[in-house]
């Protein structure tokens, strides 16, 4: 029997998921919950927060969250795809570890460990480029995506890793793989989460917002600009700035730390994924956004979304 949600909004729907859990939706928000009072109360708070999301700058932002203590999973705008930017580095490292576990002749070398460390902790694009080649580029990543059940993530036709299209729900699946999944060994899962806990402090924003006191925060953020150059309206394409790491088309630049330039206008993609645990909470959260007027504005929106989600999640 479906779990009753107290006083559900008139626009909501409630259904039986067929596995003993219930699916509840309102607007762009959908939650799956087990039949428990704690899960029901938590879901009611998240449903009530939908008005805050739909009435603010976070309206077009997508998120997916999984509370491991209550079993509640919620997602918003999960049918929307976003360019992954540098959060794809987590999947890339995971794909390499997975490939190594599939082949008894392969081993995780010191050089590969150093590349993974640089790609995750300081978001080094050169390291990511080498890891991308090691896994076999897009075809190699696609094999891992299929194994992880990430069916809504698609690689860029030109092989530009940062332009991989993904959803918040798929990023949550990836986090679940790292937290308590069986696709990777416990040692490899701990290694990758450890790197995500050691991210450079300047890159700690987004899903860390709203975290409870004394948390362990494992995260990876991504940001890229989508410039509109004078060349796009008839200028010389040769005059367009090149991508920093050569991984994308000339229209793209990856992980630009400074958006102040007179050369072009741009909107920004800003993404954040992570696993947060403390003495009182344990949850994974993915927040994706695009069309932001600046890098700073995008980071603020992602952080604001995270804060609203966590406040509703933890009460």
C-alpha atoms as a PDB file:
ATOM      1  CA  UNK A   1       0.000   0.000   0.000  1.00  0.00           C
ATOM      2  CA  UNK A   2       1.289   3.506  -0.780  1.00  0.00           C
ATOM      3  CA  UNK A   3       2.416   5.533   2.188  1.00  0.00           C
ATOM      4  CA  UNK A   4       0.039   8.382   3.003  1.00  0.00           C
ATOM      5  CA  UNK A   5       1.584  11.853   2.838  1.00  0.00           C
ATOM      6  CA  UNK A   6      -0.119  14.180   5.287  1.00  0.00           C
ATOM      7  CA  UNK A   7      -2.052  16.982   3.557  1.00  0.00           C
ATOM      8  CA  UNK A   8      -0.344  16.607   0.149  1.00  0.00           C
ATOM      9  CA  UNK A   9      -0.554  19.676  -2.138  1.00  0.00           C
ATOM     10  CA  UNK A  10      -3.283  19.454  -4.766  1.00  0.00           C
ATOM     11  CA  UNK A  11      -0.666  19.236  -7.524  1.00  0.00           C
ATOM     12  CA  UNK A  12       1.034  16.196  -6.014  1.00  0.00           C
ATOM     13  CA  UNK A  13       0.745  12.535  -6.955  1.00  0.00           C
ATOM     14  CA  UNK A  14       1.345   9.423  -4.866  1.00  0.00           C
ATOM     15  CA  UNK A  15       2.004   5.955  -6.217  1.00  0.00           C
ATOM     16  CA  UNK A  16       3.310   2.540  -5.227  1.00  0.00           C
ATOM     17  CA  UNK A  17       6.830   1.906  -6.593  1.00  0.00           C
ATOM     18  CA  UNK A  18       6.226  -1.834  -6.515  1.00  0.00           C
ATOM     19  CA  UNK A  19       9.149  -2.614  -4.191  1.00  0.00           C
ATOM     20  CA  UNK A  20       7.608  -1.657  -0.872  1.00  0.00           C
ATOM     21  CA  UNK A  21       8.458   1.999  -1.306  1.00  0.00           C
ATOM     22  CA  UNK A  22       6.334   4.927  -2.433  1.00  0.00           C
ATOM     23  CA  UNK A  23       6.901   7.548  -5.120  1.00  0.00           C
ATOM     24  CA  UNK A  24       5.551  11.033  -4.419  1.00  0.00           C
ATOM     25  CA  UNK A  25       5.838  14.005  -6.771  1.00  0.00           C
ATOM     26  CA  UNK A  26       4.925  17.659  -6.884  1.00  0.00           C
ATOM     27  CA  UNK A  27       5.926  20.003  -9.673  1.00  0.00           C
ATOM     28  CA  UNK A  28       9.472  19.192 -10.766  1.00  0.00           C
ATOM     29  CA  UNK A  29      10.241  17.301  -7.545  1.00  0.00           C
ATOM     30  CA  UNK A  30       9.885  13.537  -7.137  1.00  0.00           C
ATOM     31  CA  UNK A  31      10.726  11.427  -4.061  1.00  0.00           C
ATOM     32  CA  UNK A  32      10.934   7.717  -3.360  1.00  0.00           C
ATOM     33  CA  UNK A  33      10.551   6.692   0.281  1.00  0.00           C
ATOM     34  CA  UNK A  34      10.214   3.565   2.381  1.00  0.00           C
ATOM     35  CA  UNK A  35       7.244   3.100   4.681  1.00  0.00           C
ATOM     36  CA  UNK A  36       8.456   4.730   7.906  1.00  0.00           C
ATOM     37  CA  UNK A  37       7.400   7.749   9.934  1.00  0.00           C
ATOM     38  CA  UNK A  38      10.853   9.320   9.683  1.00  0.00           C
ATOM     39  CA  UNK A  39      10.959   8.953   5.900  1.00  0.00           C
ATOM     40  CA  UNK A  40       7.433  10.316   5.586  1.00  0.00           C
ATOM     41  CA  UNK A  41       8.213  13.391   7.714  1.00  0.00           C
ATOM     42  CA  UNK A  42      11.392  14.061   5.781  1.00  0.00           C
ATOM     43  CA  UNK A  43       9.586  13.809   2.456  1.00  0.00           C
ATOM     44  CA  UNK A  44       6.860  16.183   3.640  1.00  0.00           C
ATOM     45  CA  UNK A  45       9.529  18.794   4.394  1.00  0.00           C
ATOM     46  CA  UNK A  46      11.103  18.373   0.957  1.00  0.00           C
ATOM     47  CA  UNK A  47       7.698  18.626  -0.716  1.00  0.00           C
ATOM     48  CA  UNK A  48       6.966  21.821   1.214  1.00  0.00           C
ATOM     49  CA  UNK A  49      10.298  23.272   0.065  1.00  0.00           C
ATOM     50  CA  UNK A  50       9.269  22.873  -3.587  1.00  0.00           C
ATOM     51  CA  UNK A  51       7.633  26.301  -3.443  1.00  0.00           C
ATOM     52  CA  UNK A  52      11.009  27.789  -2.457  1.00  0.00           C
ATOM     53  CA  UNK A  53      12.719  26.166  -5.432  1.00  0.00           C
ATOM     54  CA  UNK A  54      10.050  27.126  -7.943  1.00  0.00           C
ATOM     55  CA  UNK A  55       9.907  30.716  -6.707  1.00  0.00           C
ATOM     56  CA  UNK A  56      13.610  31.503  -6.640  1.00  0.00           C
ATOM     57  CA  UNK A  57      16.731  31.600  -8.783  1.00  0.00           C
ATOM     58  CA  UNK A  58      17.064  27.880  -8.193  1.00  0.00           C
ATOM     59  CA  UNK A  59      14.003  27.083 -10.333  1.00  0.00           C
ATOM     60  CA  UNK A  60      15.972  25.647 -13.267  1.00  0.00           C
ATOM     61  CA  UNK A  61      18.597  23.955 -11.116  1.00  0.00           C
ATOM     62  CA  UNK A  62      18.516  20.168 -10.931  1.00  0.00           C
ATOM     63  CA  UNK A  63      19.362  18.187  -7.845  1.00  0.00           C
ATOM     64  CA  UNK A  64      19.217  14.633  -6.564  1.00  0.00           C
ATOM     65  CA  UNK A  65      19.714  13.607  -2.948  1.00  0.00           C
ATOM     66  CA  UNK A  66      19.881  10.272  -1.106  1.00  0.00           C
ATOM     67  CA  UNK A  67      19.633  10.060   2.671  1.00  0.00           C
ATOM     68  CA  UNK A  68      21.282   6.775   3.655  1.00  0.00           C
ATOM     69  CA  UNK A  69      19.780   6.788   7.144  1.00  0.00           C
ATOM     70  CA  UNK A  70      16.117   7.114   6.126  1.00  0.00           C
ATOM     71  CA  UNK A  71      16.313   5.631   2.638  1.00  0.00           C
ATOM     72  CA  UNK A  72      14.649   8.691   1.075  1.00  0.00           C
ATOM     73  CA  UNK A  73      15.746   9.660  -2.446  1.00  0.00           C
ATOM     74  CA  UNK A  74      14.508  12.851  -4.118  1.00  0.00           C
ATOM     75  CA  UNK A  75      15.282  14.513  -7.428  1.00  0.00           C
ATOM     76  CA  UNK A  76      14.274  17.749  -9.111  1.00  0.00           C
ATOM     77  CA  UNK A  77      14.365  18.504 -12.847  1.00  0.00           C
ATOM     78  CA  UNK A  78      15.963  15.096 -13.301  1.00  0.00           C
ATOM     79  CA  UNK A  79      14.901  14.860 -16.929  1.00  0.00           C
ATOM     80  CA  UNK A  80      17.213  17.747 -17.826  1.00  0.00           C
ATOM     81  CA  UNK A  81      20.727  17.136 -19.121  1.00  0.00           C
ATOM     82  CA  UNK A  82      23.643  19.400 -18.202  1.00  0.00           C
ATOM     83  CA  UNK A  83      27.213  19.608 -19.418  1.00  0.00           C
ATOM     84  CA  UNK A  84      29.265  17.797 -16.797  1.00  0.00           C
ATOM     85  CA  UNK A  85      32.318  20.087 -16.763  1.00  0.00           C
ATOM     86  CA  UNK A  86      34.866  18.775 -14.248  1.00  0.00           C
ATOM     87  CA  UNK A  87      32.558  16.558 -12.228  1.00  0.00           C
ATOM     88  CA  UNK A  88      33.214  14.084 -15.056  1.00  0.00           C
ATOM     89  CA  UNK A  89      36.637  13.584 -13.491  1.00  0.00           C
ATOM     90  CA  UNK A  90      35.061  11.463 -10.749  1.00  0.00           C
ATOM     91  CA  UNK A  91      33.489   9.113 -13.289  1.00  0.00           C
ATOM     92  CA  UNK A  92      36.762   9.023 -15.238  1.00  0.00           C
ATOM     93  CA  UNK A  93      38.788   7.906 -12.226  1.00  0.00           C
ATOM     94  CA  UNK A  94      36.042   5.443 -11.252  1.00  0.00           C
ATOM     95  CA  UNK A  95      36.097   4.035 -14.799  1.00  0.00           C
ATOM     96  CA  UNK A  96      39.863   3.519 -14.619  1.00  0.00           C
ATOM     97  CA  UNK A  97      39.584   1.704 -11.278  1.00  0.00           C
ATOM     98  CA  UNK A  98      36.731  -0.417 -12.635  1.00  0.00           C
ATOM     99  CA  UNK A  99      38.722  -1.368 -15.745  1.00  0.00           C
ATOM    100  CA  UNK A 100      41.665  -2.403 -13.577  1.00  0.00           C
ATOM    101  CA  UNK A 101      39.398  -4.626 -11.490  1.00  0.00           C
ATOM    102  CA  UNK A 102      38.037  -6.278 -14.643  1.00  0.00           C
ATOM    103  CA  UNK A 103      41.476  -7.339 -15.906  1.00  0.00           C
ATOM    104  CA  UNK A 104      43.797  -9.385 -13.654  1.00  0.00           C
ATOM    105  CA  UNK A 105      46.732  -8.266 -15.782  1.00  0.00           C
ATOM    106  CA  UNK A 106      46.201  -4.594 -14.968  1.00  0.00           C
ATOM    107  CA  UNK A 107      47.349  -2.792 -11.837  1.00  0.00           C
ATOM    108  CA  UNK A 108      46.859   0.683 -10.447  1.00  0.00           C
ATOM    109  CA  UNK A 109      50.266   2.282 -10.921  1.00  0.00           C
ATOM    110  CA  UNK A 110      51.889   5.077  -8.963  1.00  0.00           C
ATOM    111  CA  UNK A 111      51.681   7.321 -12.030  1.00  0.00           C
ATOM    112  CA  UNK A 112      47.951   6.656 -12.383  1.00  0.00           C
ATOM    113  CA  UNK A 113      47.430   7.394  -8.696  1.00  0.00           C
ATOM    114  CA  UNK A 114      49.239  10.712  -9.120  1.00  0.00           C
ATOM    115  CA  UNK A 115      47.094  11.602 -12.141  1.00  0.00           C
ATOM    116  CA  UNK A 116      43.907  10.743 -10.262  1.00  0.00           C
ATOM    117  CA  UNK A 117      45.018  12.810  -7.287  1.00  0.00           C
ATOM    118  CA  UNK A 118      45.726  15.862  -9.444  1.00  0.00           C
ATOM    119  CA  UNK A 119      42.483  15.512 -11.422  1.00  0.00           C
ATOM    120  CA  UNK A 120      40.290  15.342  -8.324  1.00  0.00           C
ATOM    121  CA  UNK A 121      42.028  17.432  -5.666  1.00  0.00           C
ATOM    122  CA  UNK A 122      43.048  20.419  -7.815  1.00  0.00           C
ATOM    123  CA  UNK A 123      40.896  19.706 -10.891  1.00  0.00           C
ATOM    124  CA  UNK A 124      43.971  19.474 -13.117  1.00  0.00           C
ATOM    125  CA  UNK A 125      42.837  19.282 -16.745  1.00  0.00           C
ATOM    126  CA  UNK A 126      46.109  17.886 -18.098  1.00  0.00           C
ATOM    127  CA  UNK A 127      45.860  14.995 -15.652  1.00  0.00           C
ATOM    128  CA  UNK A 128      42.243  14.432 -16.673  1.00  0.00           C
ATOM    129  CA  UNK A 129      43.239  14.396 -20.332  1.00  0.00           C
ATOM    130  CA  UNK A 130      45.767  11.641 -19.672  1.00  0.00           C
ATOM    131  CA  UNK A 131      43.251   9.665 -17.600  1.00  0.00           C
ATOM    132  CA  UNK A 132      40.709  10.062 -20.410  1.00  0.00           C
ATOM    133  CA  UNK A 133      43.182   8.505 -22.827  1.00  0.00           C
ATOM    134  CA  UNK A 134      43.983   5.714 -20.361  1.00  0.00           C
ATOM    135  CA  UNK A 135      40.353   4.601 -20.122  1.00  0.00           C
ATOM    136  CA  UNK A 136      39.944   4.700 -23.909  1.00  0.00           C
ATOM    137  CA  UNK A 137      38.115   8.028 -24.174  1.00  0.00           C
ATOM    138  CA  UNK A 138      34.374   8.095 -24.730  1.00  0.00           C
ATOM    139  CA  UNK A 139      34.008   4.350 -25.510  1.00  0.00           C
ATOM    140  CA  UNK A 140      35.821   3.452 -22.302  1.00  0.00           C
ATOM    141  CA  UNK A 141      33.670   5.752 -20.219  1.00  0.00           C
ATOM    142  CA  UNK A 142      30.503   4.457 -21.858  1.00  0.00           C
ATOM    143  CA  UNK A 143      31.284   0.920 -20.740  1.00  0.00           C
ATOM    144  CA  UNK A 144      31.564   2.109 -17.152  1.00  0.00           C
ATOM    145  CA  UNK A 145      28.384   4.190 -17.432  1.00  0.00           C
ATOM    146  CA  UNK A 146      26.484   1.120 -18.577  1.00  0.00           C
ATOM    147  CA  UNK A 147      27.854  -0.953 -15.699  1.00  0.00           C
ATOM    148  CA  UNK A 148      26.871   1.772 -13.222  1.00  0.00           C
ATOM    149  CA  UNK A 149      23.367   2.099 -14.685  1.00  0.00           C
ATOM    150  CA  UNK A 150      23.980   5.734 -15.674  1.00  0.00           C
ATOM    151  CA  UNK A 151      21.757   5.515 -18.753  1.00  0.00           C
ATOM    152  CA  UNK A 152      21.074   9.269 -18.970  1.00  0.00           C
ATOM    153  CA  UNK A 153      24.718  10.286 -19.318  1.00  0.00           C
ATOM    154  CA  UNK A 154      26.013  10.623 -22.883  1.00  0.00           C
ATOM    155  CA  UNK A 155      29.469  11.482 -24.115  1.00  0.00           C
ATOM    156  CA  UNK A 156      30.183  14.355 -26.480  1.00  0.00           C
ATOM    157  CA  UNK A 157      30.268  13.295 -30.168  1.00  0.00           C
ATOM    158  CA  UNK A 158      33.668  14.950 -30.552  1.00  0.00           C
ATOM    159  CA  UNK A 159      35.069  13.303 -27.434  1.00  0.00           C
ATOM    160  CA  UNK A 160      35.287  16.477 -25.349  1.00  0.00           C
ATOM    161  CA  UNK A 161      35.088  15.041 -21.832  1.00  0.00           C
ATOM    162  CA  UNK A 162      33.817  18.246 -20.211  1.00  0.00           C
ATOM    163  CA  UNK A 163      30.857  18.384 -22.589  1.00  0.00           C
ATOM    164  CA  UNK A 164      29.528  15.001 -21.505  1.00  0.00           C
ATOM    165  CA  UNK A 165      25.797  15.427 -20.857  1.00  0.00           C
ATOM    166  CA  UNK A 166      24.546  14.118 -17.527  1.00  0.00           C
ATOM    167  CA  UNK A 167      21.637  14.358 -15.111  1.00  0.00           C
ATOM    168  CA  UNK A 168      21.469  14.870 -11.363  1.00  0.00           C
ATOM    169  CA  UNK A 169      19.990  11.393 -10.978  1.00  0.00           C
ATOM    170  CA  UNK A 170      22.881   9.761 -12.811  1.00  0.00           C
ATOM    171  CA  UNK A 171      25.401  11.637 -10.681  1.00  0.00           C
ATOM    172  CA  UNK A 172      23.584  10.354  -7.603  1.00  0.00           C
ATOM    173  CA  UNK A 173      23.925   6.809  -8.969  1.00  0.00           C
ATOM    174  CA  UNK A 174      27.678   7.407  -9.274  1.00  0.00           C
ATOM    175  CA  UNK A 175      27.854   8.632  -5.680  1.00  0.00           C
ATOM    176  CA  UNK A 176      25.914   5.564  -4.541  1.00  0.00           C
ATOM    177  CA  UNK A 177      28.496   3.400  -6.309  1.00  0.00           C
ATOM    178  CA  UNK A 178      31.240   5.092  -4.285  1.00  0.00           C
ATOM    179  CA  UNK A 179      29.442   5.119  -0.938  1.00  0.00           C
ATOM    180  CA  UNK A 180      28.042   1.603  -0.651  1.00  0.00           C
ATOM    181  CA  UNK A 181      27.957   0.045  -4.109  1.00  0.00           C
ATOM    182  CA  UNK A 182      29.403  -3.263  -5.270  1.00  0.00           C
ATOM    183  CA  UNK A 183      30.731  -2.159  -8.666  1.00  0.00           C
ATOM    184  CA  UNK A 184      34.117  -1.177  -7.192  1.00  0.00           C
ATOM    185  CA  UNK A 185      36.111  -2.787  -4.420  1.00  0.00           C
ATOM    186  CA  UNK A 186      35.950  -1.241  -0.945  1.00  0.00           C
ATOM    187  CA  UNK A 187      39.577  -0.171  -1.285  1.00  0.00           C
ATOM    188  CA  UNK A 188      39.063   1.656  -4.562  1.00  0.00           C
ATOM    189  CA  UNK A 189      35.863   3.296  -3.304  1.00  0.00           C
ATOM    190  CA  UNK A 190      37.708   4.523  -0.211  1.00  0.00           C
ATOM    191  CA  UNK A 191      40.572   5.814  -2.361  1.00  0.00           C
ATOM    192  CA  UNK A 192      38.349   7.914  -4.606  1.00  0.00           C
ATOM    193  CA  UNK A 193      36.227   9.259  -1.751  1.00  0.00           C
ATOM    194  CA  UNK A 194      39.469  10.088   0.044  1.00  0.00           C
ATOM    195  CA  UNK A 195      40.594  12.222  -2.891  1.00  0.00           C
ATOM    196  CA  UNK A 196      37.231  13.990  -2.876  1.00  0.00           C
ATOM    197  CA  UNK A 197      37.721  14.751   0.827  1.00  0.00           C
ATOM    198  CA  UNK A 198      41.069  16.358   0.008  1.00  0.00           C
ATOM    199  CA  UNK A 199      39.876  18.868  -2.613  1.00  0.00           C
ATOM    200  CA  UNK A 200      41.675  22.212  -2.588  1.00  0.00           C
ATOM    201  CA  UNK A 201      39.880  24.584  -0.188  1.00  0.00           C
ATOM    202  CA  UNK A 202      39.368  27.169  -2.948  1.00  0.00           C
ATOM    203  CA  UNK A 203      37.214  24.601  -4.753  1.00  0.00           C
ATOM    204  CA  UNK A 204      35.031  23.697  -1.768  1.00  0.00           C
ATOM    205  CA  UNK A 205      31.560  25.119  -2.398  1.00  0.00           C
ATOM    206  CA  UNK A 206      28.207  23.796  -3.499  1.00  0.00           C
ATOM    207  CA  UNK A 207      27.082  20.597  -1.790  1.00  0.00           C
ATOM    208  CA  UNK A 208      29.143  21.413   1.294  1.00  0.00           C
ATOM    209  CA  UNK A 209      26.652  24.216   2.031  1.00  0.00           C
ATOM    210  CA  UNK A 210      24.198  23.451   4.811  1.00  0.00           C
ATOM    211  CA  UNK A 211      26.208  20.465   6.046  1.00  0.00           C
ATOM    212  CA  UNK A 212      25.707  19.546   9.709  1.00  0.00           C
ATOM    213  CA  UNK A 213      28.375  20.236  12.312  1.00  0.00           C
ATOM    214  CA  UNK A 214      31.572  18.223  12.172  1.00  0.00           C
ATOM    215  CA  UNK A 215      31.031  16.690   8.746  1.00  0.00           C
ATOM    216  CA  UNK A 216      33.272  14.599   6.543  1.00  0.00           C
ATOM    217  CA  UNK A 217      32.817  16.157   3.097  1.00  0.00           C
ATOM    218  CA  UNK A 218      33.788  14.335  -0.094  1.00  0.00           C
ATOM    219  CA  UNK A 219      33.000  16.485  -3.128  1.00  0.00           C
ATOM    220  CA  UNK A 220      33.961  17.442  -6.648  1.00  0.00           C
ATOM    221  CA  UNK A 221      32.836  20.601  -8.389  1.00  0.00           C
ATOM    222  CA  UNK A 222      32.849  21.617 -12.030  1.00  0.00           C
ATOM    223  CA  UNK A 223      32.509  24.899 -13.839  1.00  0.00           C
ATOM    224  CA  UNK A 224      32.826  25.993 -17.436  1.00  0.00           C
ATOM    225  CA  UNK A 225      31.852  29.010 -19.462  1.00  0.00           C
ATOM    226  CA  UNK A 226      29.810  28.964 -22.632  1.00  0.00           C
ATOM    227  CA  UNK A 227      31.160  32.045 -24.386  1.00  0.00           C
ATOM    228  CA  UNK A 228      29.447  34.036 -27.100  1.00  0.00           C
ATOM    229  CA  UNK A 229      32.310  35.397 -29.152  1.00  0.00           C
ATOM    230  CA  UNK A 230      32.128  38.207 -31.673  1.00  0.00           C
ATOM    231  CA  UNK A 231      33.105  35.513 -34.170  1.00  0.00           C
ATOM    232  CA  UNK A 232      29.808  33.690 -33.665  1.00  0.00           C
ATOM    233  CA  UNK A 233      27.981  36.458 -35.512  1.00  0.00           C
ATOM    234  CA  UNK A 234      30.274  36.522 -38.505  1.00  0.00           C
ATOM    235  CA  UNK A 235      33.793  37.117 -37.225  1.00  0.00           C
ATOM    236  CA  UNK A 236      36.882  35.069 -37.891  1.00  0.00           C
ATOM    237  CA  UNK A 237      36.778  31.759 -36.052  1.00  0.00           C
ATOM    238  CA  UNK A 238      40.562  31.863 -35.835  1.00  0.00           C
ATOM    239  CA  UNK A 239      40.245  34.813 -33.455  1.00  0.00           C
ATOM    240  CA  UNK A 240      38.295  32.800 -30.870  1.00  0.00           C
ATOM    241  CA  UNK A 241      40.210  31.844 -27.709  1.00  0.00           C
ATOM    242  CA  UNK A 242      41.156  28.189 -27.525  1.00  0.00           C
ATOM    243  CA  UNK A 243      40.041  25.799 -24.806  1.00  0.00           C
ATOM    244  CA  UNK A 244      42.590  25.773 -21.977  1.00  0.00           C
ATOM    245  CA  UNK A 245      43.232  22.072 -22.231  1.00  0.00           C
ATOM    246  CA  UNK A 246      42.364  21.468 -25.864  1.00  0.00           C
ATOM    247  CA  UNK A 247      39.646  19.024 -24.856  1.00  0.00           C
ATOM    248  CA  UNK A 248      36.787  21.014 -26.320  1.00  0.00           C
ATOM    249  CA  UNK A 249      35.880  23.067 -29.351  1.00  0.00           C
ATOM    250  CA  UNK A 250      37.253  26.643 -29.655  1.00  0.00           C
ATOM    251  CA  UNK A 251      33.952  27.956 -28.265  1.00  0.00           C
ATOM    252  CA  UNK A 252      34.601  26.349 -24.878  1.00  0.00           C
ATOM    253  CA  UNK A 253      37.035  26.901 -22.084  1.00  0.00           C
ATOM    254  CA  UNK A 254      37.279  24.567 -19.128  1.00  0.00           C
ATOM    255  CA  UNK A 255      37.511  25.488 -15.455  1.00  0.00           C
ATOM    256  CA  UNK A 256      38.318  29.159 -15.981  1.00  0.00           C
ATOM    257  CA  UNK A 257      38.986  30.625 -12.571  1.00  0.00           C
ATOM    258  CA  UNK A 258      38.481  34.225 -13.690  1.00  0.00           C
ATOM    259  CA  UNK A 259      35.367  35.215 -15.640  1.00  0.00           C
ATOM    260  CA  UNK A 260      36.328  38.903 -15.862  1.00  0.00           C
ATOM    261  CA  UNK A 261      37.271  39.560 -19.470  1.00  0.00           C
ATOM    262  CA  UNK A 262      36.250  42.015 -22.154  1.00  0.00           C
ATOM    263  CA  UNK A 263      36.757  39.510 -24.967  1.00  0.00           C
ATOM    264  CA  UNK A 264      33.379  37.834 -24.777  1.00  0.00           C
ATOM    265  CA  UNK A 265      30.152  37.429 -22.881  1.00  0.00           C
ATOM    266  CA  UNK A 266      29.376  34.073 -21.323  1.00  0.00           C
ATOM    267  CA  UNK A 267      26.908  32.100 -19.331  1.00  0.00           C
ATOM    268  CA  UNK A 268      28.231  29.532 -16.917  1.00  0.00           C
ATOM    269  CA  UNK A 269      27.642  25.907 -16.037  1.00  0.00           C
ATOM    270  CA  UNK A 270      28.267  25.184 -12.341  1.00  0.00           C
ATOM    271  CA  UNK A 271      27.943  21.692 -10.862  1.00  0.00           C
ATOM    272  CA  UNK A 272      28.650  20.104  -7.494  1.00  0.00           C
ATOM    273  CA  UNK A 273      28.449  16.479  -6.331  1.00  0.00           C
ATOM    274  CA  UNK A 274      29.402  14.900  -3.034  1.00  0.00           C
ATOM    275  CA  UNK A 275      28.904  12.636  -0.042  1.00  0.00           C
ATOM    276  CA  UNK A 276      28.516  14.232   3.390  1.00  0.00           C
ATOM    277  CA  UNK A 277      28.582  12.271   6.619  1.00  0.00           C
ATOM    278  CA  UNK A 278      28.636  13.177  10.310  1.00  0.00           C
ATOM    279  CA  UNK A 279      27.589  11.753  13.658  1.00  0.00           C
ATOM    280  CA  UNK A 280      23.991  12.671  12.838  1.00  0.00           C
ATOM    281  CA  UNK A 281      23.673  12.471   9.040  1.00  0.00           C
ATOM    282  CA  UNK A 282      24.795  10.619   5.932  1.00  0.00           C
ATOM    283  CA  UNK A 283      23.660  11.709   2.479  1.00  0.00           C
ATOM    284  CA  UNK A 284      24.810  12.157  -1.118  1.00  0.00           C
ATOM    285  CA  UNK A 285      23.811  15.209  -3.121  1.00  0.00           C
ATOM    286  CA  UNK A 286      24.255  16.307  -6.734  1.00  0.00           C
ATOM    287  CA  UNK A 287      23.363  19.844  -7.864  1.00  0.00           C
ATOM    288  CA  UNK A 288      23.636  20.833 -11.553  1.00  0.00           C
ATOM    289  CA  UNK A 289      23.028  24.241 -13.137  1.00  0.00           C
ATOM    290  CA  UNK A 290      23.642  26.168 -16.336  1.00  0.00           C
ATOM    291  CA  UNK A 291      22.830  29.533 -17.912  1.00  0.00           C
ATOM    292  CA  UNK A 292      24.336  31.382 -14.955  1.00  0.00           C
ATOM    293  CA  UNK A 293      25.297  35.008 -15.599  1.00  0.00           C
ATOM    294  CA  UNK A 294      28.742  34.521 -14.041  1.00  0.00           C
ATOM    295  CA  UNK A 295      30.878  31.879 -12.377  1.00  0.00           C
ATOM    296  CA  UNK A 296      30.325  33.520  -8.999  1.00  0.00           C
ATOM    297  CA  UNK A 297      26.550  33.678  -9.490  1.00  0.00           C
ATOM    298  CA  UNK A 298      26.472  30.026 -10.526  1.00  0.00           C
ATOM    299  CA  UNK A 299      28.402  28.924  -7.464  1.00  0.00           C
ATOM    300  CA  UNK A 300      26.049  30.923  -5.252  1.00  0.00           C
ATOM    301  CA  UNK A 301      22.969  29.330  -6.829  1.00  0.00           C
ATOM    302  CA  UNK A 302      24.377  25.825  -6.447  1.00  0.00           C
ATOM    303  CA  UNK A 303      25.315  26.527  -2.821  1.00  0.00           C
ATOM    304  CA  UNK A 304      21.904  28.081  -2.129  1.00  0.00           C
ATOM    305  CA  UNK A 305      20.174  25.040  -3.592  1.00  0.00           C
ATOM    306  CA  UNK A 306      22.282  22.716  -1.488  1.00  0.00           C
ATOM    307  CA  UNK A 307      21.472  24.673   1.647  1.00  0.00           C
ATOM    308  CA  UNK A 308      17.725  24.554   0.969  1.00  0.00           C
ATOM    309  CA  UNK A 309      17.842  20.815   0.261  1.00  0.00           C
ATOM    310  CA  UNK A 310      19.831  20.004   3.386  1.00  0.00           C
ATOM    311  CA  UNK A 311      17.645  22.188   5.599  1.00  0.00           C
ATOM    312  CA  UNK A 312      14.588  20.294   4.382  1.00  0.00           C
ATOM    313  CA  UNK A 313      16.359  16.939   4.529  1.00  0.00           C
ATOM    314  CA  UNK A 314      17.624  17.261   8.090  1.00  0.00           C
ATOM    315  CA  UNK A 315      14.900  19.489   9.508  1.00  0.00           C
END
